[in-house]
Amino acid sequence: MSKKEQAKRDAARQAAEEEIRRIRLPKGEETLGIVDQRVGGSRMFVRCLDGKQRVCRIPGRLKKRLWVRERDIVIIEPWEFGGDEKGDVILKYRPNQVSWLRKNGYLRTLEEADEF
């Protein structure tokens, strides 16, 4: 293995580690959730950590950049009016970020609810 190949591998490994260090956690009213069902028109049913199921949408500024599927872990921002039933998807976690969240205990209540 040449020095260039080794340097590329080291850079990729460091980039992956940095990504895990910079995980965005919910702030204020935001909550974690898991996508249950896609409804269409950038809307979906999301089961949130606070025990509520909301109809959430992907805001226009994120529509082309954020591709969400069922079983994805996302951050939800409930609406000011109708916040118990509706919300916006702010961020989708990548698989390595989801494993970090599980390892550090942020998703325990979602996993317990998932057993039913």
Protein backbone atom coordinates (compact mmCIF):
# COMPACT_ATOMS: atom_id res chain seq x y z
CA MET A 1 0.00 0.00 0.00
CA SER A 2 1.41 3.34 -1.01
CA LYS A 3 1.63 6.37 1.24
CA LYS A 4 -1.05 8.17 -0.80
CA GLU A 5 -3.54 5.32 -0.34
CA GLN A 6 -2.80 5.20 3.38
CA ALA A 7 -3.26 8.97 3.69
CA LYS A 8 -6.63 8.76 1.88
CA ARG A 9 -7.81 5.99 4.21
CA ASP A 10 -6.71 7.94 7.28
CA ALA A 11 -8.52 11.07 6.04
CA ALA A 12 -11.72 9.10 5.39
CA ARG A 13 -11.53 7.49 8.85
CA GLN A 14 -11.06 10.88 10.51
CA ALA A 15 -13.98 12.37 8.54
CA ALA A 16 -16.25 9.52 9.71
CA GLU A 17 -15.18 10.01 13.33
CA GLU A 18 -15.76 13.77 13.14
CA GLU A 19 -19.25 13.21 11.79
CA ILE A 20 -20.14 11.11 14.82
CA ARG A 21 -18.82 13.78 17.20
CA ARG A 22 -21.02 16.49 15.72
CA ILE A 23 -24.42 14.91 16.16
CA ARG A 24 -27.20 17.46 16.49
CA LEU A 25 -29.51 16.74 19.41
CA PRO A 26 -33.04 18.15 19.86
CA LYS A 27 -33.21 21.59 21.47
CA GLY A 28 -36.13 23.29 23.17
CA GLU A 29 -39.46 22.06 21.80
CA GLU A 30 -37.84 19.67 19.28
CA THR A 31 -38.13 15.93 19.80
CA LEU A 32 -36.82 12.71 18.27
CA GLY A 33 -39.15 10.53 16.25
CA ILE A 34 -39.33 7.53 13.95
CA VAL A 35 -41.13 7.65 10.60
CA ASP A 36 -44.03 5.17 10.63
CA GLN A 37 -45.66 5.75 7.27
CA ARG A 38 -45.23 7.98 4.22
CA VAL A 39 -48.52 9.56 3.20
CA GLY A 40 -47.47 11.49 0.10
CA GLY A 41 -46.94 15.12 -0.75
CA SER A 42 -43.89 15.32 1.59
CA ARG A 43 -46.07 14.28 4.56
CA MET A 44 -45.65 11.33 6.90
CA PHE A 45 -46.79 9.87 10.20
CA VAL A 46 -44.06 10.11 12.85
CA ARG A 47 -44.07 8.43 16.27
CA CYS A 48 -42.30 10.84 18.65
CA LEU A 49 -40.38 10.31 21.90
CA ASP A 50 -43.02 12.25 23.83
CA GLY A 51 -45.53 9.48 23.10
CA LYS A 52 -47.54 11.32 20.43
CA GLN A 53 -48.02 10.46 16.80
CA ARG A 54 -47.86 13.48 14.51
CA VAL A 55 -48.49 14.19 10.86
CA CYS A 56 -45.24 15.83 9.83
CA ARG A 57 -44.12 17.51 6.65
CA ILE A 58 -40.79 18.32 5.09
CA PRO A 59 -40.53 22.13 4.79
CA GLY A 60 -39.98 23.61 1.33
CA ARG A 61 -36.38 24.60 2.01
CA LEU A 62 -35.49 20.93 2.68
CA LYS A 63 -37.70 19.12 0.12
CA LYS A 64 -34.99 18.52 -2.49
CA ARG A 65 -32.21 17.78 0.03
CA LEU A 66 -33.94 15.56 2.59
CA TRP A 67 -35.08 12.10 1.47
CA VAL A 68 -36.92 10.27 4.23
CA ARG A 69 -38.08 6.65 4.29
CA GLU A 70 -40.03 4.57 6.78
CA ARG A 71 -38.08 3.55 9.92
CA ASP A 72 -35.76 6.61 9.67
CA ILE A 73 -34.92 8.50 12.88
CA VAL A 74 -35.64 12.23 12.57
CA ILE A 75 -35.84 15.43 14.63
CA ILE A 76 -39.35 16.91 14.74
CA GLU A 77 -40.31 20.49 15.53
CA PRO A 78 -43.98 20.61 16.64
CA TRP A 79 -46.08 23.47 15.28
CA GLU A 80 -47.06 26.32 17.60
CA PHE A 81 -50.75 25.74 16.81
CA GLY A 82 -51.80 22.11 16.65
CA GLY A 83 -48.39 20.98 17.94
CA ASP A 84 -49.83 17.76 19.39
CA GLU A 85 -50.97 16.61 15.94
CA LYS A 86 -48.60 18.32 13.45
CA GLY A 87 -44.93 19.15 13.02
CA ASP A 88 -42.01 19.71 10.68
CA VAL A 89 -39.09 17.37 9.98
CA ILE A 90 -35.88 19.27 10.69
CA LEU A 91 -33.16 16.62 10.29
CA LYS A 92 -32.70 12.96 9.38
CA TYR A 93 -30.00 10.93 11.12
CA ARG A 94 -27.59 8.74 9.16
CA PRO A 95 -27.05 5.08 10.17
CA ASN A 96 -23.79 5.70 12.04
CA GLN A 97 -25.43 8.58 13.93
CA VAL A 98 -28.40 6.34 14.84
CA SER A 99 -26.03 3.73 16.28
CA TRP A 100 -24.34 6.47 18.36
CA LEU A 101 -27.75 7.64 19.64
CA ARG A 102 -28.68 4.06 20.60
CA LYS A 103 -25.34 3.47 22.29
CA ASN A 104 -25.70 6.64 24.38
CA GLY A 105 -29.30 5.94 25.41
CA TYR A 106 -31.21 8.60 23.46
CA LEU A 107 -33.45 6.07 21.67
CA ARG A 108 -34.37 3.71 24.51
CA THR A 109 -37.98 4.85 24.75
CA LEU A 110 -38.45 4.47 20.98
CA GLU A 111 -37.05 0.94 21.13
CA GLU A 112 -39.38 0.04 24.02
CA ALA A 113 -42.38 1.35 22.06
CA ASP A 114 -41.16 -0.53 18.99
CA GLU A 115 -41.57 -3.90 20.77
CA PHE A 116 -45.38 -3.72 20.74
